C-alpha atoms as a PDB file:
ATOM      1  CA  MET A   1      58.395 -76.354-144.848  1.00  0.00           C
ATOM      2  CA  ALA A   2      54.602 -75.241-144.194  1.00  0.00           C
ATOM      3  CA  LEU A   3      52.718 -72.155-144.306  1.00  0.00           C
ATOM      4  CA  PHE A   4      52.179 -70.779-140.871  1.00  0.00           C
ATOM      5  CA  PRO A   5      49.784 -67.941-139.877  1.00  0.00           C
ATOM      6  CA  VAL A   6      50.751 -65.628-136.850  1.00  0.00           C
ATOM      7  CA  VAL A   7      49.295 -62.164-135.968  1.00  0.00           C
ATOM      8  CA  SER A   8      51.733 -59.233-136.184  1.00  0.00           C
ATOM      9  CA  ASN A   9      51.696 -56.647-133.816  1.00  0.00           C
ATOM     10  CA  PHE A  10      54.064 -54.201-134.946  1.00  0.00           C
ATOM     11  CA  GLN A  11      55.659 -51.651-132.690  1.00  0.00           C
ATOM     12  CA  HIS A  12      53.635 -48.081-133.475  1.00  0.00           C
ATOM     13  CA  ASP A  13      51.303 -49.792-135.667  1.00  0.00           C
ATOM     14  CA  PHE A  14      47.726 -49.534-134.837  1.00  0.00           C
ATOM     15  CA  VAL A  15      46.524 -52.295-137.056  1.00  0.00           C
ATOM     16  CA  LEU A  16      46.946 -56.056-136.176  1.00  0.00           C
ATOM     17  CA  LEU A  17      47.601 -58.158-139.290  1.00  0.00           C
ATOM     18  CA  LEU A  18      47.390 -61.822-140.097  1.00  0.00           C
ATOM     19  CA  LEU A  19      50.965 -62.663-141.355  1.00  0.00           C
ATOM     20  CA  PRO A  20      51.471 -65.819-143.363  1.00  0.00           C
ATOM     21  CA  VAL A  21      55.048 -66.995-143.077  1.00  0.00           C
ATOM     22  CA  ASP A  22      56.741 -70.376-143.336  1.00  0.00           C
ATOM     23  CA  THR A  23      58.007 -72.856-140.633  1.00  0.00           C
ATOM     24  CA  ASP A  24      61.399 -72.782-142.126  1.00  0.00           C
ATOM     25  CA  ASN A  25      61.805 -68.924-142.072  1.00  0.00           C
ATOM     26  CA  THR A  26      64.199 -67.431-139.367  1.00  0.00           C
ATOM     27  CA  MET A  27      62.965 -64.734-136.979  1.00  0.00           C
ATOM     28  CA  ASP A  28      64.710 -62.100-139.154  1.00  0.00           C
ATOM     29  CA  GLU A  29      62.809 -63.316-142.217  1.00  0.00           C
ATOM     30  CA  VAL A  30      59.467 -63.321-140.207  1.00  0.00           C
ATOM     31  CA  ALA A  31      60.418 -59.750-138.950  1.00  0.00           C
ATOM     32  CA  ALA A  32      61.105 -58.591-142.606  1.00  0.00           C
ATOM     33  CA  ALA A  33      57.632 -59.958-143.504  1.00  0.00           C
ATOM     34  CA  ALA A  34      55.737 -58.162-140.969  1.00  0.00           C
ATOM     35  CA  ALA A  35      57.985 -54.884-141.663  1.00  0.00           C
ATOM     36  CA  HIS A  36      56.747 -55.302-145.328  1.00  0.00           C
ATOM     37  CA  HIS A  37      53.172 -54.656-144.221  1.00  0.00           C
ATOM     38  CA  SER A  38      53.739 -51.988-141.692  1.00  0.00           C
ATOM     39  CA  VAL A  39      57.121 -49.894-142.232  1.00  0.00           C
ATOM     40  CA  ASN A  40      56.454 -47.136-144.784  1.00  0.00           C
ATOM     41  CA  ARG A  41      52.708 -47.540-144.494  1.00  0.00           C
ATOM     42  CA  ARG A  42      51.761 -46.748-140.967  1.00  0.00           C
ATOM     43  CA  VAL A  43      55.131 -46.926-139.313  1.00  0.00           C
ATOM     44  CA  ALA A  44      58.191 -44.765-139.821  1.00  0.00           C
ATOM     45  CA  PRO A  45      61.481 -46.572-140.682  1.00  0.00           C
ATOM     46  CA  GLN A  46      64.055 -46.559-138.019  1.00  0.00           C
ATOM     47  CA  PRO A  47      67.420 -46.675-140.026  1.00  0.00           C
ATOM     48  CA  GLY A  48      70.202 -48.529-137.756  1.00  0.00           C
ATOM     49  CA  LYS A  49      67.704 -50.435-135.874  1.00  0.00           C
ATOM     50  CA  VAL A  50      66.880 -54.153-136.203  1.00  0.00           C
ATOM     51  CA  ILE A  51      63.334 -55.560-135.723  1.00  0.00           C
ATOM     52  CA  ARG A  52      63.362 -58.316-132.963  1.00  0.00           C
ATOM     53  CA  VAL A  53      60.373 -60.755-132.397  1.00  0.00           C
ATOM     54  CA  ARG A  54      58.975 -61.667-129.268  1.00  0.00           C
ATOM     55  CA  ARG A  55      55.586 -63.608-127.982  1.00  0.00           C
ATOM     56  CA  GLN A  56      53.116 -60.781-127.131  1.00  0.00           C
ATOM     57  CA  GLY A  57      53.591 -59.888-123.523  1.00  0.00           C
ATOM     58  CA  ALA A  58      56.879 -61.799-123.246  1.00  0.00           C
ATOM     59  CA  ASP A  59      60.140 -59.970-122.049  1.00  0.00           C
ATOM     60  CA  ASP A  60      62.557 -62.164-124.067  1.00  0.00           C
ATOM     61  CA  PHE A  61      63.218 -62.156-127.898  1.00  0.00           C
ATOM     62  CA  TYR A  62      63.598 -65.112-129.889  1.00  0.00           C
ATOM     63  CA  PRO A  63      67.013 -65.645-131.409  1.00  0.00           C
ATOM     64  CA  ARG A  64      67.349 -63.939-134.714  1.00  0.00           C
ATOM     65  CA  ASP A  65      68.572 -66.997-136.575  1.00  0.00           C
ATOM     66  CA  GLY A  66      66.095 -69.224-134.886  1.00  0.00           C
ATOM     67  CA  ARG A  67      63.754 -70.838-137.276  1.00  0.00           C
ATOM     68  CA  LEU A  68      59.926 -70.434-136.670  1.00  0.00           C
ATOM     69  CA  GLY A  69      59.346 -74.074-136.707  1.00  0.00           C
ATOM     70  CA  GLU A  70      61.881 -74.877-134.046  1.00  0.00           C
ATOM     71  CA  THR A  71      60.037 -72.545-131.504  1.00  0.00           C
ATOM     72  CA  ASP A  72      57.121 -73.088-129.279  1.00  0.00           C
ATOM     73  CA  ILE A  73      54.978 -70.496-131.268  1.00  0.00           C
ATOM     74  CA  ARG A  74      51.446 -71.744-132.277  1.00  0.00           C
ATOM     75  CA  PRO A  75      49.451 -71.017-135.317  1.00  0.00           C
ATOM     76  CA  MET A  76      47.512 -67.529-135.186  1.00  0.00           C
ATOM     77  CA  GLU A  77      49.489 -66.516-132.127  1.00  0.00           C
ATOM     78  CA  THR A  78      50.304 -62.824-131.606  1.00  0.00           C
ATOM     79  CA  LEU A  79      53.858 -61.856-131.987  1.00  0.00           C
ATOM     80  CA  GLU A  80      55.350 -58.431-131.376  1.00  0.00           C
ATOM     81  CA  PHE A  81      57.835 -57.003-133.661  1.00  0.00           C
ATOM     82  CA  ILE A  82      60.038 -54.245-131.812  1.00  0.00           C
ATOM     83  CA  PHE A  83      62.888 -52.085-133.168  1.00  0.00           C
ATOM     84  CA  CYS A  84      65.874 -52.485-131.198  1.00  0.00           C
ATOM     85  CA  ASP A  85      69.499 -51.443-131.449  1.00  0.00           C
ATOM     86  CA  ALA A  86      71.706 -53.546-133.760  1.00  0.00           C
END
């Protein structure tokens, strides 16, 4: 369990945010933390969609139940948060 900073690039948001998360967080928990700072602020909610996480510029998403500390993500790396069908 360790504090881990990533940069949030949330779909439809024009602001990149420094996001403190924990290495024990799942990707769904990381996505929820990013959504907290973007959705209903600068990004409209999309009911029925889930937010998926991927490295900026990548095609593949991280598994939703995968833990941040078990990935190859490095501190201060930019992650994209994308609305997807459930």
